[in-house]
């Protein structure tokens, strides 16, 4: 949506993956000319304000669960950059009753492998249908470890689950068979929850967005023609105004200073 607005909104498309984009953002924050000269800020989970907002729906979800079930829930979180899971841990630290968390990933499984064998070995990022989770070096993982260390929570309390593309497709179909049109990230979280939950446990899985945000995947996997919400329909035919740049900080910096300074 924002790529079509123009005026005082300038978007940039980087010819690479999320990890490369995030590295550019971090380098921008490390550059005083960009950071201070442009009053740089972040809207993603680099900014703790993003996590503070996400904490709220953990409390809302658990409050709704407690109206029907007395047990503390297991919460499955679709995980890429791990900001959402970090917010959940902050909520638990504030007193939210959660039995345990599941970190559900796609093929970019640095964290599930780390939780399994203790070795932090990021692989090259793979493109998947759950592309908001195509992250091999999640910047929020140090926060996860810091929270757990501070509160003496063993990392073994976190369960990491990796789903393949085939499993993601199956998970979408299973949810649809129950009358729920999902997007691929929520489907991964739901499937991971079903694999881990034991009898008498209560589970909650989180989603990422309206399924229409991933219309191409949902239509293809479920053989649908998903209608767009009015807000997306209004801009669907508009031109994308993003500047195309390589994953090169010098070129990004020059572009930002030329457009915004």
Protein backbone atom coordinates (compact mmCIF):
# COMPACT_ATOMS: atom_id res chain seq x y z
CA UNK A 1 0.00 0.00 0.00
CA UNK A 2 2.67 2.49 0.98
CA UNK A 3 4.60 1.93 -2.25
CA UNK A 4 1.76 3.57 -4.18
CA UNK A 5 1.22 6.70 -2.11
CA UNK A 6 4.04 8.99 -3.25
CA UNK A 7 4.06 12.62 -2.06
CA UNK A 8 6.16 12.68 1.10
CA UNK A 9 6.39 8.87 1.35
CA UNK A 10 9.48 7.46 -0.38
CA UNK A 11 9.92 3.69 -0.57
CA UNK A 12 12.97 1.70 -1.60
CA UNK A 13 13.03 -1.87 -2.89
CA UNK A 14 16.32 -3.67 -2.24
CA UNK A 15 17.42 -6.32 -4.72
CA UNK A 16 18.17 -8.96 -2.09
CA UNK A 17 16.65 -10.70 0.94
CA UNK A 18 15.50 -9.60 4.40
CA UNK A 19 18.85 -10.20 6.05
CA UNK A 20 20.55 -7.89 3.55
CA UNK A 21 17.85 -5.23 4.06
CA UNK A 22 18.18 -5.43 7.83
CA UNK A 23 21.96 -5.11 7.56
CA UNK A 24 21.47 -1.91 5.56
CA UNK A 25 19.13 -0.54 8.21
CA UNK A 26 21.61 -1.32 10.99
CA UNK A 27 24.41 0.34 9.03
CA UNK A 28 22.20 3.39 8.55
CA UNK A 29 21.70 3.63 12.32
CA UNK A 30 25.46 3.34 12.80
CA UNK A 31 26.11 6.23 10.40
CA UNK A 32 25.77 9.58 12.24
CA UNK A 33 25.17 11.49 9.01
CA UNK A 34 22.16 9.35 8.20
CA UNK A 35 20.92 8.66 11.74
CA UNK A 36 21.16 12.21 13.08
CA UNK A 37 20.96 14.16 9.86
CA UNK A 38 17.70 12.49 8.83
CA UNK A 39 16.33 11.83 12.36
CA UNK A 40 16.24 8.14 11.46
CA UNK A 41 13.79 5.85 13.22
CA UNK A 42 12.58 2.31 12.71
CA UNK A 43 9.06 0.90 12.51
CA UNK A 44 10.09 -2.74 12.72
CA UNK A 45 11.12 -4.72 15.78
CA UNK A 46 14.53 -3.03 15.99
CA UNK A 47 12.43 -0.35 17.72
CA UNK A 48 11.32 -1.49 21.18
CA UNK A 49 8.07 0.47 20.69
CA UNK A 50 6.98 -2.14 18.15
CA UNK A 51 7.35 -4.84 20.79
CA UNK A 52 5.49 -2.83 23.42
CA UNK A 53 2.49 -2.66 21.11
CA UNK A 54 2.66 -6.38 20.36
CA UNK A 55 2.62 -7.26 24.05
CA UNK A 56 -1.00 -6.10 24.22
CA UNK A 57 -2.51 -8.81 22.05
CA UNK A 58 -0.82 -11.53 24.09
CA UNK A 59 -2.77 -10.31 27.10
CA UNK A 60 -5.96 -10.07 25.04
CA UNK A 61 -5.53 -13.58 23.61
CA UNK A 62 -4.82 -15.17 26.98
CA UNK A 63 -7.71 -13.27 28.58
CA UNK A 64 -10.08 -14.70 25.98
CA UNK A 65 -8.62 -18.19 26.44
CA UNK A 66 -9.07 -18.01 30.21
CA UNK A 67 -12.79 -17.33 29.76
CA UNK A 68 -13.10 -20.90 28.43
CA UNK A 69 -10.12 -22.79 29.85
CA UNK A 70 -8.39 -22.68 33.22
CA UNK A 71 -5.08 -24.04 31.93
CA UNK A 72 -2.24 -21.70 31.02
CA UNK A 73 -1.91 -21.78 27.23
CA UNK A 74 0.93 -22.91 25.03
CA UNK A 75 1.51 -20.17 22.44
CA UNK A 76 2.88 -20.91 18.99
CA UNK A 77 4.52 -17.92 17.30
CA UNK A 78 5.37 -17.72 13.59
CA UNK A 79 8.96 -16.60 13.80
CA UNK A 80 11.32 -14.84 11.41
CA UNK A 81 13.06 -11.90 13.02
CA UNK A 82 11.73 -13.04 16.43
CA UNK A 83 10.25 -9.71 17.49
CA UNK A 84 6.85 -11.27 18.10
CA UNK A 85 8.26 -14.00 20.34
CA UNK A 86 10.32 -11.37 22.19
CA UNK A 87 7.10 -9.45 22.89
CA UNK A 88 5.54 -12.65 24.21
CA UNK A 89 8.45 -13.18 26.57
CA UNK A 90 8.12 -9.59 27.79
CA UNK A 91 4.43 -10.30 28.44
CA UNK A 92 5.30 -13.43 30.41
CA UNK A 93 7.88 -11.44 32.37
CA UNK A 94 5.10 -8.96 33.24
CA UNK A 95 3.04 -11.80 34.72
CA UNK A 96 1.09 -13.21 31.78
CA UNK A 97 0.37 -16.90 32.50
CA UNK A 98 1.91 -18.84 29.59
CA UNK A 99 2.92 -22.48 29.91
CA UNK A 100 5.53 -22.33 27.14
CA UNK A 101 6.24 -20.83 23.73
CA UNK A 102 6.80 -22.52 20.39
CA UNK A 103 9.03 -20.78 17.85
CA UNK A 104 7.63 -21.94 14.51
CA UNK A 105 9.80 -21.30 11.45
CA UNK A 106 9.99 -22.19 7.81
CA UNK A 107 13.12 -23.63 6.14
CA UNK A 108 15.12 -20.72 7.58
CA UNK A 109 15.61 -22.66 10.77
CA UNK A 110 18.64 -21.13 12.49
CA UNK A 111 16.85 -20.97 15.85
CA UNK A 112 15.25 -24.46 15.90
CA UNK A 113 18.66 -25.95 15.06
CA UNK A 114 20.31 -23.81 17.73
CA UNK A 115 17.79 -24.90 20.36
CA UNK A 116 18.39 -28.50 19.32
CA UNK A 117 22.20 -28.61 19.24
CA UNK A 118 23.47 -25.35 20.79
CA UNK A 119 25.27 -24.25 17.61
CA UNK A 120 24.45 -20.90 15.99
CA UNK A 121 24.98 -21.68 12.31
CA UNK A 122 22.89 -19.47 9.97
CA UNK A 123 22.47 -20.86 6.48
CA UNK A 124 21.93 -18.73 3.37
CA UNK A 125 18.37 -17.40 3.44
CA UNK A 126 15.89 -19.48 1.44
CA UNK A 127 12.88 -17.98 -0.31
CA UNK A 128 9.63 -19.60 0.87
CA UNK A 129 5.89 -19.00 0.58
CA UNK A 130 5.97 -17.63 4.17
CA UNK A 131 8.28 -14.85 3.06
CA UNK A 132 7.90 -12.61 6.12
CA UNK A 133 9.84 -15.32 7.96
CA UNK A 134 12.65 -15.65 5.41
CA UNK A 135 15.28 -14.58 7.93
CA UNK A 136 18.46 -16.49 8.76
CA UNK A 137 19.99 -14.07 11.29
CA UNK A 138 17.13 -12.76 13.48
CA UNK A 139 18.15 -9.53 15.17
CA UNK A 140 15.86 -10.09 18.15
CA UNK A 141 17.41 -13.38 19.22
CA UNK A 142 19.92 -11.66 21.57
CA UNK A 143 16.93 -10.07 23.29
CA UNK A 144 15.32 -13.51 23.70
CA UNK A 145 18.47 -14.87 25.30
CA UNK A 146 18.90 -11.79 27.50
CA UNK A 147 15.33 -12.04 28.85
CA UNK A 148 15.70 -15.75 29.57
CA UNK A 149 19.07 -15.24 31.26
CA UNK A 150 17.81 -12.32 33.36
CA UNK A 151 14.80 -14.27 34.61
CA UNK A 152 16.60 -17.62 34.92
CA UNK A 153 14.36 -19.22 32.30
CA UNK A 154 16.16 -22.07 30.56
CA UNK A 155 16.15 -21.87 26.78
CA UNK A 156 14.89 -25.44 26.84
CA UNK A 157 11.50 -23.95 27.76
CA UNK A 158 11.34 -22.71 24.16
CA UNK A 159 10.47 -25.28 21.53
CA UNK A 160 11.68 -24.71 17.98
CA UNK A 161 9.78 -26.30 15.10
CA UNK A 162 10.71 -26.08 11.39
CA UNK A 163 8.16 -26.73 8.65
CA UNK A 164 8.93 -27.45 5.02
CA UNK A 165 7.07 -25.93 2.07
CA UNK A 166 5.10 -29.16 1.67
CA UNK A 167 4.08 -29.10 5.33
CA UNK A 168 3.09 -25.43 5.03
CA UNK A 169 0.86 -26.25 2.07
CA UNK A 170 -0.72 -29.10 4.02
CA UNK A 171 -1.25 -26.84 7.02
CA UNK A 172 -3.06 -24.25 4.89
CA UNK A 173 -5.30 -26.98 3.49
CA UNK A 174 -6.04 -28.42 6.94
CA UNK A 175 -7.11 -25.04 8.31
CA UNK A 176 -9.24 -24.40 5.21
CA UNK A 177 -10.93 -27.77 5.69
CA UNK A 178 -12.00 -26.49 9.12
CA UNK A 179 -13.46 -23.34 7.56
CA UNK A 180 -10.50 -21.05 8.32
CA UNK A 181 -8.77 -19.19 5.49
CA UNK A 182 -5.26 -18.65 6.74
CA UNK A 183 -2.05 -17.13 5.44
CA UNK A 184 1.11 -19.29 5.36
CA UNK A 185 2.77 -17.88 8.50
CA UNK A 186 -0.24 -18.57 10.73
CA UNK A 187 -0.55 -21.99 9.11
CA UNK A 188 3.01 -22.80 10.16
CA UNK A 189 2.26 -21.72 13.73
CA UNK A 190 -0.94 -23.77 13.79
CA UNK A 191 0.76 -26.89 12.47
CA UNK A 192 3.64 -26.53 14.91
CA UNK A 193 1.14 -26.23 17.75
CA UNK A 194 -0.67 -29.38 16.64
CA UNK A 195 2.63 -31.28 16.60
CA UNK A 196 3.63 -30.21 20.12
CA UNK A 197 0.38 -29.91 22.08
CA UNK A 198 -0.35 -32.84 24.38
CA UNK A 199 -3.74 -33.94 25.79
CA UNK A 200 -5.27 -31.53 28.33
CA UNK A 201 -3.15 -28.62 27.10
CA UNK A 202 -4.66 -25.45 25.62
CA UNK A 203 -2.98 -23.78 22.67
CA UNK A 204 -3.01 -20.43 20.88
CA UNK A 205 -1.38 -19.81 17.52
CA UNK A 206 -0.62 -16.35 16.20
CA UNK A 207 -1.03 -15.03 12.67
CA UNK A 208 0.86 -12.45 10.67
CA UNK A 209 -1.68 -10.56 8.56
CA UNK A 210 -4.90 -10.75 6.58
CA UNK A 211 -4.56 -13.65 4.11
CA UNK A 212 -5.05 -11.19 1.24
CA UNK A 213 -1.60 -9.78 1.97
CA UNK A 214 -0.33 -13.12 0.65
CA UNK A 215 -3.06 -13.54 -1.95
CA UNK A 216 -0.80 -15.13 -4.55
CA UNK A 217 0.17 -17.93 -2.15
CA UNK A 218 -3.30 -18.43 -0.68
CA UNK A 219 -4.96 -18.49 -4.12
CA UNK A 220 -2.40 -20.95 -5.47
CA UNK A 221 -2.38 -23.32 -2.51
CA UNK A 222 -6.12 -23.32 -1.81
CA UNK A 223 -7.28 -22.82 -5.42
CA UNK A 224 -9.21 -19.69 -4.50
CA UNK A 225 -9.69 -16.20 -5.81
CA UNK A 226 -9.51 -14.44 -2.47
CA UNK A 227 -11.27 -11.05 -2.50
CA UNK A 228 -9.14 -8.10 -1.46
CA UNK A 229 -10.17 -5.91 1.47
CA UNK A 230 -11.40 -2.51 0.33
CA UNK A 231 -8.18 -0.81 1.44
CA UNK A 232 -6.04 -3.09 -0.75
CA UNK A 233 -8.52 -3.09 -3.64
CA UNK A 234 -8.32 0.70 -3.77
CA UNK A 235 -4.57 0.64 -4.52
CA UNK A 236 -4.15 -2.69 -6.31
CA UNK A 237 -4.01 -1.14 -9.78
CA UNK A 238 -1.84 1.83 -8.84
CA UNK A 239 1.76 2.12 -9.94
CA UNK A 240 4.47 1.04 -7.51
CA UNK A 241 6.70 4.05 -6.91
CA UNK A 242 9.61 2.37 -5.13
CA UNK A 243 13.17 3.16 -6.09
CA UNK A 244 15.08 -0.01 -6.98
CA UNK A 245 18.52 -0.27 -5.34
CA UNK A 246 21.13 -3.01 -4.90
CA UNK A 247 22.15 -4.15 -1.41
CA UNK A 248 24.85 -1.47 -1.28
CA UNK A 249 24.93 0.88 1.71
CA UNK A 250 26.81 3.65 -0.10
CA UNK A 251 24.10 3.77 -2.77
CA UNK A 252 21.31 3.64 -0.19
CA UNK A 253 22.92 6.44 1.81
CA UNK A 254 23.33 8.61 -1.29
CA UNK A 255 19.67 8.00 -2.21
CA UNK A 256 18.40 8.84 1.28
CA UNK A 257 20.42 12.04 1.50
CA UNK A 258 19.38 13.10 -1.99
CA UNK A 259 15.68 12.53 -1.36
CA UNK A 260 15.30 13.47 2.31
CA UNK A 261 18.09 15.83 3.35
